[in-house]
N, C-alpha and C. Protein backbone atom coordinates (compact mmCIF):
# COMPACT_ATOMS: atom_id res chain seq x y z
N MET A 1 0.84 -1.20 0.00
CA MET A 1 0.00 0.00 0.00
C MET A 1 0.88 1.25 0.00
N ILE A 2 0.46 2.25 -0.75
CA ILE A 2 1.20 3.51 -0.81
C ILE A 2 1.09 4.23 0.53
N PRO A 3 2.19 4.65 1.13
CA PRO A 3 2.12 5.35 2.42
C PRO A 3 1.64 6.79 2.25
N TRP A 4 1.08 7.35 3.33
CA TRP A 4 0.70 8.75 3.34
C TRP A 4 1.94 9.62 3.40
N GLU A 5 1.90 10.73 2.67
CA GLU A 5 3.00 11.70 2.66
C GLU A 5 2.47 13.06 3.12
N LYS A 6 3.15 13.69 4.06
CA LYS A 6 2.74 15.03 4.49
C LYS A 6 3.24 16.05 3.48
N ILE A 7 2.30 16.82 2.94
CA ILE A 7 2.62 17.82 1.91
C ILE A 7 2.91 19.18 2.52
N ASP A 8 2.08 19.56 3.51
CA ASP A 8 2.22 20.90 4.08
C ASP A 8 1.44 20.96 5.38
N THR A 9 1.70 22.00 6.17
CA THR A 9 0.94 22.27 7.38
C THR A 9 0.49 23.73 7.36
N ALA A 10 -0.54 24.03 8.13
CA ALA A 10 -1.06 25.40 8.18
C ALA A 10 -1.64 25.68 9.55
N LYS A 11 -1.24 26.80 10.14
CA LYS A 11 -1.82 27.25 11.39
C LYS A 11 -3.23 27.80 11.13
N ILE A 12 -4.13 27.54 12.07
CA ILE A 12 -5.48 28.06 11.98
C ILE A 12 -5.54 29.39 12.71
N PRO A 13 -5.87 30.49 12.03
CA PRO A 13 -5.94 31.79 12.70
C PRO A 13 -6.86 31.75 13.92
N GLY A 14 -6.39 32.34 15.01
CA GLY A 14 -7.17 32.36 16.23
C GLY A 14 -7.16 31.07 17.01
N SER A 15 -6.20 30.19 16.68
CA SER A 15 -6.12 28.88 17.34
C SER A 15 -4.67 28.44 17.39
N ASP A 16 -4.36 27.55 18.31
CA ASP A 16 -3.03 26.94 18.36
C ASP A 16 -2.97 25.66 17.53
N GLU A 17 -4.08 25.29 16.92
CA GLU A 17 -4.16 24.05 16.17
C GLU A 17 -3.52 24.20 14.78
N GLU A 18 -3.16 23.06 14.21
CA GLU A 18 -2.47 23.03 12.91
C GLU A 18 -3.11 22.00 12.00
N LEU A 19 -3.41 22.41 10.79
CA LEU A 19 -3.91 21.49 9.77
C LEU A 19 -2.75 20.83 9.05
N ARG A 20 -2.94 19.57 8.64
CA ARG A 20 -1.94 18.86 7.85
C ARG A 20 -2.57 18.39 6.54
N LEU A 21 -1.91 18.73 5.44
CA LEU A 21 -2.34 18.22 4.14
C LEU A 21 -1.53 16.98 3.83
N MET A 22 -2.23 15.85 3.64
CA MET A 22 -1.59 14.57 3.38
C MET A 22 -1.98 14.07 1.98
N ARG A 23 -1.06 13.31 1.38
CA ARG A 23 -1.34 12.75 0.06
C ARG A 23 -0.91 11.29 0.02
N ARG A 24 -1.73 10.47 -0.64
CA ARG A 24 -1.39 9.06 -0.88
C ARG A 24 -1.80 8.74 -2.31
N GLY A 25 -0.81 8.74 -3.20
CA GLY A 25 -1.13 8.60 -4.62
C GLY A 25 -1.90 9.83 -5.08
N ARG A 26 -3.15 9.64 -5.56
CA ARG A 26 -3.98 10.75 -6.01
C ARG A 26 -5.04 11.13 -4.96
N GLU A 27 -4.94 10.51 -3.80
CA GLU A 27 -5.89 10.77 -2.71
C GLU A 27 -5.31 11.81 -1.75
N PHE A 28 -6.14 12.77 -1.33
CA PHE A 28 -5.72 13.80 -0.39
C PHE A 28 -6.55 13.72 0.88
N SER A 29 -5.93 14.15 1.97
CA SER A 29 -6.61 14.19 3.26
C SER A 29 -6.15 15.44 4.00
N ILE A 30 -7.09 16.12 4.67
CA ILE A 30 -6.74 17.23 5.56
C ILE A 30 -7.07 16.78 6.97
N LYS A 31 -6.06 16.83 7.84
CA LYS A 31 -6.21 16.29 9.19
C LYS A 31 -5.92 17.34 10.25
N LEU A 32 -6.55 17.14 11.38
CA LEU A 32 -6.31 17.94 12.57
C LEU A 32 -6.05 16.95 13.70
N GLY A 33 -4.81 16.86 14.14
CA GLY A 33 -4.47 15.84 15.12
C GLY A 33 -4.75 14.46 14.56
N THR A 34 -5.53 13.66 15.29
CA THR A 34 -5.89 12.32 14.82
C THR A 34 -7.17 12.33 14.00
N ASN A 35 -7.82 13.49 13.88
CA ASN A 35 -9.10 13.58 13.17
C ASN A 35 -8.89 13.93 11.70
N GLU A 36 -9.53 13.17 10.83
CA GLU A 36 -9.55 13.51 9.42
C GLU A 36 -10.74 14.43 9.16
N LEU A 37 -10.48 15.66 8.78
CA LEU A 37 -11.55 16.62 8.54
C LEU A 37 -12.20 16.41 7.18
N MET A 38 -11.40 16.02 6.20
CA MET A 38 -11.96 15.77 4.87
C MET A 38 -11.01 14.90 4.06
N ASN A 39 -11.58 14.21 3.09
CA ASN A 39 -10.83 13.30 2.24
C ASN A 39 -11.35 13.46 0.81
N SER A 40 -10.45 13.49 -0.14
CA SER A 40 -10.85 13.73 -1.52
C SER A 40 -11.71 12.61 -2.11
N ARG A 41 -11.79 11.47 -1.42
CA ARG A 41 -12.62 10.36 -1.89
C ARG A 41 -14.03 10.41 -1.31
N LEU A 42 -14.26 11.28 -0.33
CA LEU A 42 -15.54 11.32 0.37
C LEU A 42 -16.17 12.71 0.21
N SER A 43 -16.95 12.85 -0.84
CA SER A 43 -17.47 14.17 -1.18
C SER A 43 -18.98 14.27 -1.13
N GLY A 44 -19.66 13.17 -0.88
CA GLY A 44 -21.11 13.12 -1.04
C GLY A 44 -21.88 14.11 -0.21
N SER A 45 -21.61 14.16 1.09
CA SER A 45 -22.43 15.02 1.95
C SER A 45 -22.13 16.50 1.73
N GLU A 46 -20.88 16.84 1.44
CA GLU A 46 -20.54 18.24 1.17
C GLU A 46 -21.18 18.71 -0.13
N ALA A 47 -21.22 17.82 -1.13
CA ALA A 47 -21.90 18.17 -2.38
C ALA A 47 -23.40 18.32 -2.16
N ALA A 48 -23.96 17.46 -1.30
CA ALA A 48 -25.39 17.54 -1.00
C ALA A 48 -25.76 18.86 -0.34
N LEU A 49 -24.83 19.44 0.42
CA LEU A 49 -25.07 20.74 1.03
C LEU A 49 -25.46 21.76 -0.03
N ALA A 50 -24.77 21.73 -1.16
CA ALA A 50 -25.06 22.67 -2.26
C ALA A 50 -26.32 22.30 -3.01
N THR A 51 -26.48 21.04 -3.34
CA THR A 51 -27.63 20.65 -4.16
C THR A 51 -28.94 20.80 -3.42
N LEU A 52 -28.95 20.48 -2.13
CA LEU A 52 -30.18 20.63 -1.34
C LEU A 52 -30.57 22.10 -1.20
N ALA A 53 -29.56 22.94 -0.96
CA ALA A 53 -29.84 24.38 -0.85
C ALA A 53 -30.30 24.96 -2.18
N ALA A 54 -29.66 24.53 -3.27
CA ALA A 54 -29.99 25.07 -4.59
C ALA A 54 -31.44 24.78 -4.96
N LYS A 55 -31.96 23.63 -4.55
CA LYS A 55 -33.36 23.30 -4.86
C LYS A 55 -34.32 24.31 -4.22
N GLN A 56 -33.91 24.84 -3.07
CA GLN A 56 -34.77 25.78 -2.35
C GLN A 56 -34.83 27.15 -3.02
N ILE A 57 -33.82 27.46 -3.82
CA ILE A 57 -33.77 28.79 -4.45
C ILE A 57 -33.80 28.65 -5.98
N ALA A 58 -34.36 27.55 -6.46
CA ALA A 58 -34.33 27.26 -7.90
C ALA A 58 -35.06 28.32 -8.73
N LYS A 59 -36.03 29.02 -8.14
CA LYS A 59 -36.80 30.01 -8.89
C LYS A 59 -36.15 31.39 -8.90
N VAL A 60 -35.04 31.54 -8.18
CA VAL A 60 -34.34 32.83 -8.16
C VAL A 60 -33.51 32.97 -9.43
N ALA A 61 -33.73 34.02 -10.18
CA ALA A 61 -33.09 34.17 -11.49
C ALA A 61 -31.59 34.40 -11.39
N LYS A 62 -31.18 35.24 -10.45
CA LYS A 62 -29.77 35.56 -10.30
C LYS A 62 -29.35 35.37 -8.84
N PRO A 63 -29.23 34.13 -8.40
CA PRO A 63 -28.96 33.88 -6.99
C PRO A 63 -27.57 34.32 -6.55
N VAL A 64 -27.50 34.84 -5.34
CA VAL A 64 -26.23 35.19 -4.72
C VAL A 64 -26.04 34.24 -3.53
N VAL A 65 -24.95 33.52 -3.55
CA VAL A 65 -24.72 32.45 -2.57
C VAL A 65 -23.40 32.68 -1.85
N LEU A 66 -23.42 32.51 -0.54
CA LEU A 66 -22.21 32.59 0.28
C LEU A 66 -21.89 31.20 0.79
N ILE A 67 -20.66 30.74 0.55
CA ILE A 67 -20.20 29.45 1.06
C ILE A 67 -19.13 29.71 2.12
N GLY A 68 -19.37 29.21 3.32
CA GLY A 68 -18.38 29.33 4.38
C GLY A 68 -17.54 28.07 4.45
N GLY A 69 -16.28 28.18 4.07
CA GLY A 69 -15.36 27.05 4.08
C GLY A 69 -15.11 26.52 2.69
N LEU A 70 -13.86 26.64 2.21
CA LEU A 70 -13.51 26.10 0.89
C LEU A 70 -13.23 24.61 0.94
N GLY A 71 -12.46 24.21 1.97
CA GLY A 71 -12.14 22.79 2.11
C GLY A 71 -11.49 22.23 0.85
N MET A 72 -12.03 21.12 0.36
CA MET A 72 -11.54 20.53 -0.88
C MET A 72 -12.43 20.90 -2.07
N GLY A 73 -13.31 21.88 -1.86
CA GLY A 73 -14.09 22.42 -2.97
C GLY A 73 -15.30 21.61 -3.38
N PHE A 74 -15.69 20.60 -2.59
CA PHE A 74 -16.83 19.77 -2.98
C PHE A 74 -18.11 20.58 -3.08
N THR A 75 -18.36 21.42 -2.07
CA THR A 75 -19.58 22.22 -2.06
C THR A 75 -19.56 23.24 -3.19
N LEU A 76 -18.42 23.87 -3.41
CA LEU A 76 -18.31 24.85 -4.49
C LEU A 76 -18.58 24.21 -5.84
N ARG A 77 -17.95 23.09 -6.13
CA ARG A 77 -18.13 22.47 -7.45
C ARG A 77 -19.57 22.01 -7.65
N ALA A 78 -20.19 21.50 -6.60
CA ALA A 78 -21.59 21.09 -6.72
C ALA A 78 -22.48 22.29 -6.96
N ALA A 79 -22.19 23.42 -6.30
CA ALA A 79 -22.98 24.64 -6.50
C ALA A 79 -22.84 25.13 -7.94
N LEU A 80 -21.63 25.11 -8.46
CA LEU A 80 -21.41 25.55 -9.84
C LEU A 80 -22.17 24.68 -10.82
N ALA A 81 -22.29 23.40 -10.51
CA ALA A 81 -22.95 22.47 -11.42
C ALA A 81 -24.46 22.66 -11.48
N VAL A 82 -25.05 23.15 -10.39
CA VAL A 82 -26.51 23.23 -10.35
C VAL A 82 -27.06 24.66 -10.44
N LEU A 83 -26.22 25.67 -10.19
CA LEU A 83 -26.68 27.05 -10.29
C LEU A 83 -26.44 27.58 -11.70
N GLY A 84 -27.27 28.49 -12.12
CA GLY A 84 -27.20 28.97 -13.49
C GLY A 84 -26.05 29.92 -13.76
N ALA A 85 -25.97 30.36 -15.01
CA ALA A 85 -24.87 31.22 -15.45
C ALA A 85 -24.91 32.59 -14.80
N GLN A 86 -26.07 33.00 -14.27
CA GLN A 86 -26.21 34.33 -13.68
C GLN A 86 -25.92 34.33 -12.17
N ALA A 87 -25.58 33.20 -11.62
CA ALA A 87 -25.34 33.10 -10.18
C ALA A 87 -24.02 33.77 -9.80
N LYS A 88 -23.95 34.23 -8.57
CA LYS A 88 -22.71 34.72 -7.98
C LYS A 88 -22.44 33.93 -6.71
N ILE A 89 -21.22 33.42 -6.58
CA ILE A 89 -20.86 32.59 -5.43
C ILE A 89 -19.65 33.19 -4.75
N VAL A 90 -19.81 33.56 -3.50
CA VAL A 90 -18.71 34.05 -2.68
C VAL A 90 -18.28 32.93 -1.75
N VAL A 91 -16.99 32.59 -1.80
CA VAL A 91 -16.45 31.56 -0.91
C VAL A 91 -15.54 32.22 0.11
N SER A 92 -15.85 32.01 1.37
CA SER A 92 -15.05 32.57 2.46
C SER A 92 -14.21 31.45 3.07
N GLU A 93 -12.89 31.64 3.08
CA GLU A 93 -11.97 30.64 3.67
C GLU A 93 -11.02 31.35 4.62
N LEU A 94 -11.04 30.93 5.87
CA LEU A 94 -10.26 31.58 6.91
C LEU A 94 -8.76 31.30 6.80
N VAL A 95 -8.40 30.09 6.35
CA VAL A 95 -7.00 29.66 6.34
C VAL A 95 -6.41 29.88 4.95
N PRO A 96 -5.53 30.87 4.77
CA PRO A 96 -4.99 31.15 3.44
C PRO A 96 -4.33 29.95 2.78
N SER A 97 -3.70 29.10 3.58
CA SER A 97 -3.02 27.94 3.00
C SER A 97 -3.98 26.99 2.31
N VAL A 98 -5.23 26.92 2.77
CA VAL A 98 -6.21 26.06 2.13
C VAL A 98 -6.47 26.52 0.70
N VAL A 99 -6.52 27.83 0.50
CA VAL A 99 -6.67 28.37 -0.86
C VAL A 99 -5.41 28.06 -1.68
N ALA A 100 -4.25 28.20 -1.07
CA ALA A 100 -2.99 27.89 -1.76
C ALA A 100 -2.93 26.42 -2.15
N TRP A 101 -3.39 25.54 -1.27
CA TRP A 101 -3.41 24.11 -1.58
C TRP A 101 -4.33 23.83 -2.76
N ALA A 102 -5.46 24.55 -2.81
CA ALA A 102 -6.41 24.35 -3.90
C ALA A 102 -5.80 24.72 -5.26
N ARG A 103 -4.96 25.72 -5.26
CA ARG A 103 -4.33 26.16 -6.50
C ARG A 103 -3.00 25.46 -6.76
N GLY A 104 -2.49 24.76 -5.75
CA GLY A 104 -1.20 24.08 -5.86
C GLY A 104 -1.34 22.57 -5.92
N PRO A 105 -1.02 21.86 -4.83
CA PRO A 105 -1.02 20.40 -4.89
C PRO A 105 -2.36 19.76 -5.20
N MET A 106 -3.47 20.45 -4.87
CA MET A 106 -4.79 19.87 -5.15
C MET A 106 -5.45 20.47 -6.38
N ALA A 107 -4.68 21.09 -7.25
CA ALA A 107 -5.25 21.74 -8.43
C ALA A 107 -6.06 20.77 -9.29
N GLU A 108 -5.63 19.53 -9.37
CA GLU A 108 -6.36 18.55 -10.17
C GLU A 108 -7.73 18.25 -9.57
N VAL A 109 -7.81 18.25 -8.25
CA VAL A 109 -9.08 18.02 -7.57
C VAL A 109 -10.05 19.16 -7.85
N PHE A 110 -9.57 20.40 -7.82
CA PHE A 110 -10.41 21.57 -7.98
C PHE A 110 -10.76 21.87 -9.44
N GLY A 111 -9.95 21.40 -10.37
CA GLY A 111 -10.21 21.69 -11.77
C GLY A 111 -10.23 23.18 -12.03
N ALA A 112 -11.23 23.63 -12.80
CA ALA A 112 -11.32 25.05 -13.16
C ALA A 112 -12.26 25.83 -12.26
N SER A 113 -12.70 25.23 -11.14
CA SER A 113 -13.75 25.85 -10.33
C SER A 113 -13.35 27.21 -9.76
N LEU A 114 -12.10 27.37 -9.36
CA LEU A 114 -11.69 28.64 -8.75
C LEU A 114 -11.60 29.76 -9.78
N ASP A 115 -11.50 29.40 -11.04
CA ASP A 115 -11.38 30.41 -12.10
C ASP A 115 -12.72 30.70 -12.78
N ASP A 116 -13.78 30.06 -12.32
CA ASP A 116 -15.10 30.30 -12.88
C ASP A 116 -15.49 31.76 -12.61
N ALA A 117 -16.03 32.42 -13.61
CA ALA A 117 -16.36 33.85 -13.51
C ALA A 117 -17.42 34.12 -12.44
N ARG A 118 -18.17 33.11 -12.05
CA ARG A 118 -19.21 33.29 -11.03
C ARG A 118 -18.65 33.30 -9.62
N VAL A 119 -17.38 32.94 -9.46
CA VAL A 119 -16.80 32.69 -8.14
C VAL A 119 -15.86 33.81 -7.71
N SER A 120 -15.98 34.21 -6.46
CA SER A 120 -14.98 35.08 -5.84
C SER A 120 -14.57 34.45 -4.51
N ILE A 121 -13.28 34.47 -4.23
CA ILE A 121 -12.72 33.88 -3.02
C ILE A 121 -12.29 34.99 -2.08
N ARG A 122 -12.71 34.91 -0.82
CA ARG A 122 -12.28 35.87 0.18
C ARG A 122 -11.62 35.14 1.34
N GLU A 123 -10.42 35.54 1.68
CA GLU A 123 -9.69 34.92 2.78
C GLU A 123 -10.03 35.68 4.05
N ILE A 124 -11.16 35.31 4.63
CA ILE A 124 -11.71 36.02 5.77
C ILE A 124 -12.66 35.08 6.52
N ASP A 125 -12.88 35.35 7.78
CA ASP A 125 -13.85 34.61 8.58
C ASP A 125 -15.24 34.85 7.98
N VAL A 126 -15.95 33.79 7.67
CA VAL A 126 -17.28 33.95 7.07
C VAL A 126 -18.22 34.71 7.99
N GLY A 127 -17.98 34.61 9.30
CA GLY A 127 -18.81 35.34 10.24
C GLY A 127 -18.72 36.84 10.03
N GLU A 128 -17.56 37.34 9.65
CA GLU A 128 -17.41 38.77 9.39
C GLU A 128 -18.27 39.21 8.20
N ILE A 129 -18.30 38.39 7.18
CA ILE A 129 -19.13 38.71 6.01
C ILE A 129 -20.60 38.71 6.40
N ILE A 130 -21.02 37.69 7.12
CA ILE A 130 -22.43 37.58 7.51
C ILE A 130 -22.86 38.77 8.35
N ARG A 131 -22.04 39.12 9.33
CA ARG A 131 -22.42 40.22 10.23
C ARG A 131 -22.46 41.58 9.53
N ALA A 132 -21.74 41.70 8.41
CA ALA A 132 -21.66 42.98 7.70
C ALA A 132 -22.76 43.16 6.66
N LYS A 133 -23.57 42.12 6.43
CA LYS A 133 -24.54 42.17 5.34
C LYS A 133 -25.98 42.14 5.84
N ARG A 134 -26.85 42.73 5.04
CA ARG A 134 -28.28 42.71 5.32
C ARG A 134 -29.02 42.42 4.01
N SER A 135 -29.82 41.37 4.01
CA SER A 135 -30.60 40.98 2.82
C SER A 135 -29.72 40.90 1.58
N ALA A 136 -28.56 40.25 1.71
CA ALA A 136 -27.58 40.21 0.62
C ALA A 136 -27.54 38.87 -0.11
N PHE A 137 -27.95 37.79 0.56
CA PHE A 137 -27.75 36.45 -0.01
C PHE A 137 -29.07 35.69 -0.11
N ASP A 138 -29.16 34.89 -1.18
CA ASP A 138 -30.29 33.98 -1.31
C ASP A 138 -30.02 32.67 -0.56
N ALA A 139 -28.76 32.35 -0.38
CA ALA A 139 -28.40 31.15 0.38
C ALA A 139 -27.05 31.35 1.05
N ILE A 140 -26.96 30.87 2.28
CA ILE A 140 -25.69 30.81 3.00
C ILE A 140 -25.44 29.35 3.33
N LEU A 141 -24.30 28.84 2.86
CA LEU A 141 -23.95 27.44 3.07
C LEU A 141 -22.74 27.38 4.00
N LEU A 142 -22.92 26.75 5.15
CA LEU A 142 -21.84 26.68 6.13
C LEU A 142 -21.31 25.26 6.23
N ASP A 143 -20.07 25.09 5.80
CA ASP A 143 -19.32 23.84 6.00
C ASP A 143 -18.06 24.24 6.74
N VAL A 144 -18.25 24.70 7.97
CA VAL A 144 -17.18 25.28 8.76
C VAL A 144 -16.89 24.39 9.95
N ASP A 145 -15.61 24.04 10.11
CA ASP A 145 -15.20 23.21 11.23
C ASP A 145 -15.90 21.86 11.12
N ASN A 146 -16.48 21.37 12.22
CA ASN A 146 -17.13 20.07 12.22
C ASN A 146 -18.64 20.21 12.34
N GLY A 147 -19.12 21.44 12.09
CA GLY A 147 -20.53 21.72 12.31
C GLY A 147 -20.71 22.48 13.62
N PRO A 148 -21.92 22.46 14.19
CA PRO A 148 -22.19 23.21 15.42
C PRO A 148 -21.31 22.83 16.60
N GLU A 149 -20.77 21.62 16.61
CA GLU A 149 -19.82 21.22 17.64
C GLU A 149 -18.43 21.17 17.01
N GLY A 150 -17.73 22.30 17.05
CA GLY A 150 -16.48 22.45 16.32
C GLY A 150 -15.30 21.73 16.95
N LEU A 151 -14.28 21.56 16.11
CA LEU A 151 -13.02 20.94 16.55
C LEU A 151 -11.83 21.88 16.41
N THR A 152 -11.86 22.74 15.40
CA THR A 152 -10.62 23.42 15.03
C THR A 152 -10.43 24.78 15.68
N ARG A 153 -11.52 25.49 15.97
CA ARG A 153 -11.37 26.88 16.40
C ARG A 153 -12.58 27.30 17.21
N LYS A 154 -12.34 27.71 18.46
CA LYS A 154 -13.45 28.07 19.34
C LYS A 154 -14.29 29.18 18.76
N GLY A 155 -13.67 30.11 18.03
CA GLY A 155 -14.40 31.23 17.46
C GLY A 155 -15.49 30.81 16.49
N ASN A 156 -15.37 29.60 15.93
CA ASN A 156 -16.39 29.14 14.98
C ASN A 156 -17.74 28.92 15.66
N ASP A 157 -17.74 28.70 16.98
CA ASP A 157 -19.00 28.46 17.68
C ASP A 157 -19.96 29.64 17.53
N ALA A 158 -19.41 30.84 17.33
CA ALA A 158 -20.24 32.04 17.21
C ALA A 158 -21.13 32.00 15.97
N LEU A 159 -20.80 31.17 14.99
CA LEU A 159 -21.65 31.04 13.81
C LEU A 159 -22.96 30.35 14.14
N TYR A 160 -22.92 29.51 15.17
CA TYR A 160 -24.03 28.60 15.44
C TYR A 160 -24.82 28.94 16.70
N ASP A 161 -24.40 29.97 17.43
CA ASP A 161 -25.17 30.35 18.61
C ASP A 161 -26.32 31.26 18.22
N ALA A 162 -27.11 31.69 19.19
CA ALA A 162 -28.32 32.48 18.89
C ALA A 162 -27.99 33.76 18.14
N SER A 163 -26.92 34.44 18.56
CA SER A 163 -26.53 35.68 17.90
C SER A 163 -26.08 35.44 16.47
N GLY A 164 -25.29 34.38 16.26
CA GLY A 164 -24.82 34.05 14.93
C GLY A 164 -25.95 33.71 13.97
N LEU A 165 -26.93 32.96 14.47
CA LEU A 165 -28.07 32.60 13.62
C LEU A 165 -28.94 33.81 13.32
N SER A 166 -29.05 34.73 14.27
CA SER A 166 -29.78 35.96 14.02
C SER A 166 -29.09 36.78 12.92
N SER A 167 -27.75 36.83 12.97
CA SER A 167 -27.01 37.56 11.93
C SER A 167 -27.19 36.90 10.57
N ALA A 168 -27.17 35.57 10.54
CA ALA A 168 -27.37 34.86 9.28
C ALA A 168 -28.75 35.15 8.71
N ARG A 169 -29.75 35.17 9.56
CA ARG A 169 -31.12 35.46 9.10
C ARG A 169 -31.19 36.87 8.53
N THR A 170 -30.53 37.81 9.18
CA THR A 170 -30.51 39.19 8.70
C THR A 170 -29.81 39.30 7.35
N ALA A 171 -28.76 38.52 7.15
CA ALA A 171 -27.99 38.57 5.91
C ALA A 171 -28.71 37.93 4.73
N LEU A 172 -29.74 37.13 5.01
CA LEU A 172 -30.50 36.46 3.95
C LEU A 172 -31.62 37.35 3.42
N ARG A 173 -31.91 37.19 2.15
CA ARG A 173 -33.06 37.84 1.55
C ARG A 173 -34.33 37.10 1.98
N PRO A 174 -35.51 37.72 1.83
CA PRO A 174 -36.76 37.01 2.16
C PRO A 174 -36.85 35.68 1.43
N GLY A 175 -37.17 34.63 2.16
CA GLY A 175 -37.23 33.30 1.57
C GLY A 175 -35.88 32.63 1.39
N GLY A 176 -34.82 33.29 1.86
CA GLY A 176 -33.47 32.74 1.71
C GLY A 176 -33.25 31.52 2.60
N VAL A 177 -32.17 30.82 2.32
CA VAL A 177 -31.90 29.54 2.97
C VAL A 177 -30.54 29.54 3.64
N LEU A 178 -30.52 29.08 4.89
CA LEU A 178 -29.27 28.78 5.59
C LEU A 178 -29.12 27.27 5.59
N ALA A 179 -28.04 26.77 4.99
CA ALA A 179 -27.77 25.33 4.94
C ALA A 179 -26.50 25.05 5.73
N VAL A 180 -26.58 24.11 6.65
CA VAL A 180 -25.47 23.84 7.57
C VAL A 180 -25.10 22.37 7.53
N TRP A 181 -23.80 22.09 7.31
CA TRP A 181 -23.27 20.72 7.32
C TRP A 181 -22.76 20.38 8.71
N SER A 182 -22.98 19.13 9.13
CA SER A 182 -22.46 18.67 10.41
C SER A 182 -22.07 17.20 10.31
N SER A 183 -21.08 16.83 11.09
CA SER A 183 -20.65 15.42 11.12
C SER A 183 -21.66 14.54 11.83
N GLY A 184 -22.62 15.14 12.56
CA GLY A 184 -23.61 14.35 13.27
C GLY A 184 -24.77 15.20 13.74
N PRO A 185 -25.81 14.57 14.30
CA PRO A 185 -27.00 15.30 14.74
C PRO A 185 -26.72 16.18 15.95
N ASN A 186 -27.57 17.18 16.14
CA ASN A 186 -27.42 18.10 17.26
C ASN A 186 -28.80 18.70 17.54
N ALA A 187 -29.51 18.10 18.48
CA ALA A 187 -30.88 18.52 18.77
C ALA A 187 -30.92 19.96 19.28
N ALA A 188 -29.93 20.35 20.07
CA ALA A 188 -29.91 21.72 20.60
C ALA A 188 -29.79 22.74 19.48
N PHE A 189 -28.99 22.41 18.45
CA PHE A 189 -28.84 23.33 17.33
C PHE A 189 -30.14 23.43 16.53
N THR A 190 -30.82 22.32 16.35
CA THR A 190 -32.11 22.35 15.67
C THR A 190 -33.06 23.30 16.39
N GLY A 191 -33.06 23.23 17.72
CA GLY A 191 -33.90 24.12 18.50
C GLY A 191 -33.52 25.58 18.34
N ARG A 192 -32.23 25.86 18.30
CA ARG A 192 -31.79 27.25 18.12
C ARG A 192 -32.22 27.79 16.76
N LEU A 193 -32.14 26.97 15.73
CA LEU A 193 -32.58 27.40 14.41
C LEU A 193 -34.05 27.79 14.43
N LYS A 194 -34.86 26.98 15.07
CA LYS A 194 -36.29 27.27 15.13
C LYS A 194 -36.57 28.54 15.92
N ARG A 195 -35.87 28.69 17.04
CA ARG A 195 -36.08 29.89 17.85
C ARG A 195 -35.60 31.15 17.15
N ALA A 196 -34.65 30.99 16.21
CA ALA A 196 -34.14 32.13 15.44
C ALA A 196 -35.08 32.53 14.32
N GLY A 197 -36.18 31.78 14.14
CA GLY A 197 -37.18 32.16 13.14
C GLY A 197 -37.08 31.43 11.82
N PHE A 198 -36.34 30.29 11.80
CA PHE A 198 -36.21 29.51 10.57
C PHE A 198 -37.21 28.36 10.55
N ASN A 199 -37.67 28.01 9.35
CA ASN A 199 -38.39 26.76 9.13
C ASN A 199 -37.36 25.70 8.79
N VAL A 200 -37.28 24.65 9.59
CA VAL A 200 -36.13 23.75 9.57
C VAL A 200 -36.48 22.37 9.05
N ASN A 201 -35.62 21.86 8.16
CA ASN A 201 -35.67 20.48 7.72
C ASN A 201 -34.29 19.86 7.92
N GLU A 202 -34.24 18.76 8.65
CA GLU A 202 -32.97 18.09 8.94
C GLU A 202 -32.84 16.86 8.06
N VAL A 203 -31.75 16.80 7.28
CA VAL A 203 -31.57 15.73 6.30
C VAL A 203 -30.34 14.91 6.64
N ASN A 204 -30.49 13.58 6.65
CA ASN A 204 -29.34 12.69 6.85
C ASN A 204 -28.79 12.28 5.49
N VAL A 205 -27.48 12.39 5.33
CA VAL A 205 -26.84 12.04 4.06
C VAL A 205 -25.60 11.18 4.35
N ARG A 206 -25.19 10.43 3.34
CA ARG A 206 -24.01 9.58 3.47
C ARG A 206 -22.77 10.30 2.96
N ALA A 207 -21.64 10.03 3.57
CA ALA A 207 -20.39 10.69 3.21
C ALA A 207 -20.00 10.42 1.76
N THR A 208 -20.28 9.20 1.28
CA THR A 208 -19.88 8.86 -0.08
C THR A 208 -20.88 9.35 -1.11
N GLY A 209 -22.11 9.62 -0.67
CA GLY A 209 -23.15 10.02 -1.61
C GLY A 209 -23.73 8.86 -2.38
N ARG A 210 -23.31 7.63 -2.07
CA ARG A 210 -23.78 6.45 -2.80
C ARG A 210 -24.38 5.41 -1.86
N GLY A 211 -24.90 5.86 -0.74
CA GLY A 211 -25.53 4.92 0.19
C GLY A 211 -24.56 4.27 1.16
N GLY A 212 -23.31 4.69 1.18
CA GLY A 212 -22.34 4.12 2.10
C GLY A 212 -21.58 5.21 2.84
N GLY A 213 -20.75 4.80 3.77
CA GLY A 213 -19.94 5.74 4.51
C GLY A 213 -20.68 6.28 5.72
N ALA A 214 -20.02 7.16 6.46
CA ALA A 214 -20.60 7.74 7.66
C ALA A 214 -21.84 8.55 7.34
N ARG A 215 -22.73 8.65 8.32
CA ARG A 215 -23.92 9.48 8.18
C ARG A 215 -23.62 10.89 8.67
N HIS A 216 -23.90 11.85 7.84
CA HIS A 216 -23.75 13.25 8.20
C HIS A 216 -25.13 13.92 8.17
N VAL A 217 -25.18 15.13 8.69
CA VAL A 217 -26.46 15.84 8.80
C VAL A 217 -26.36 17.19 8.09
N ILE A 218 -27.42 17.54 7.37
CA ILE A 218 -27.52 18.87 6.78
C ILE A 218 -28.85 19.48 7.21
N TRP A 219 -28.76 20.68 7.78
CA TRP A 219 -29.97 21.43 8.12
C TRP A 219 -30.28 22.38 6.97
N ILE A 220 -31.49 22.36 6.49
CA ILE A 220 -31.97 23.32 5.51
C ILE A 220 -32.98 24.21 6.24
N ALA A 221 -32.56 25.45 6.52
CA ALA A 221 -33.36 26.36 7.32
C ALA A 221 -33.78 27.56 6.46
N ARG A 222 -35.05 27.67 6.23
CA ARG A 222 -35.57 28.74 5.37
C ARG A 222 -36.04 29.93 6.20
N LYS A 223 -35.66 31.11 5.75
CA LYS A 223 -36.11 32.34 6.40
C LYS A 223 -37.56 32.59 6.05
N GLY A 224 -38.41 32.73 7.07
CA GLY A 224 -39.82 32.95 6.84
C GLY A 224 -40.12 34.38 6.37
């Protein structure tokens, strides 16, 4: 078996933690300590984050979408595949090295997605964008950390608390959708979404997207 090779490391802003980019043949993995945050072979649930949200805004002629977390680009590529030519997609990525990896060692994984005219990349905390906007987005897709129970950075929790959800609701246009990826269920978070004024649907999806792999959760929360 081909051994894993460490390609690079990256400090997480606002944290003492370090991400590691690993490669084994054509397979990539991003790890934090002993936890694998993402793997280039397991894209199903991250892609579903985009496709499920896109269905909710299918009637919007020129949708504006904010994606929190670039990762390995699964959500971005799925969004590009299902949104029309008039869409605008803003991707917020806190760790600059993740963007560099996308354009460097993982360029084959990302293909031409970062150069698509519909896409703009901002190296900033997605929370800053959300808090600065009002009625700006038709959909906000959050694939940040490990979901509402984070692993990488304590500051990410602010996206999922009552104040963070209120800011997200404010940043959405009427009828807009907040879609949140998580590695597992979280009843308390479901309750917070409802109390924040969202109509909530919780969807279980498989990591592989083909009926296998770990079960992940996506919340589709529509602004009333």
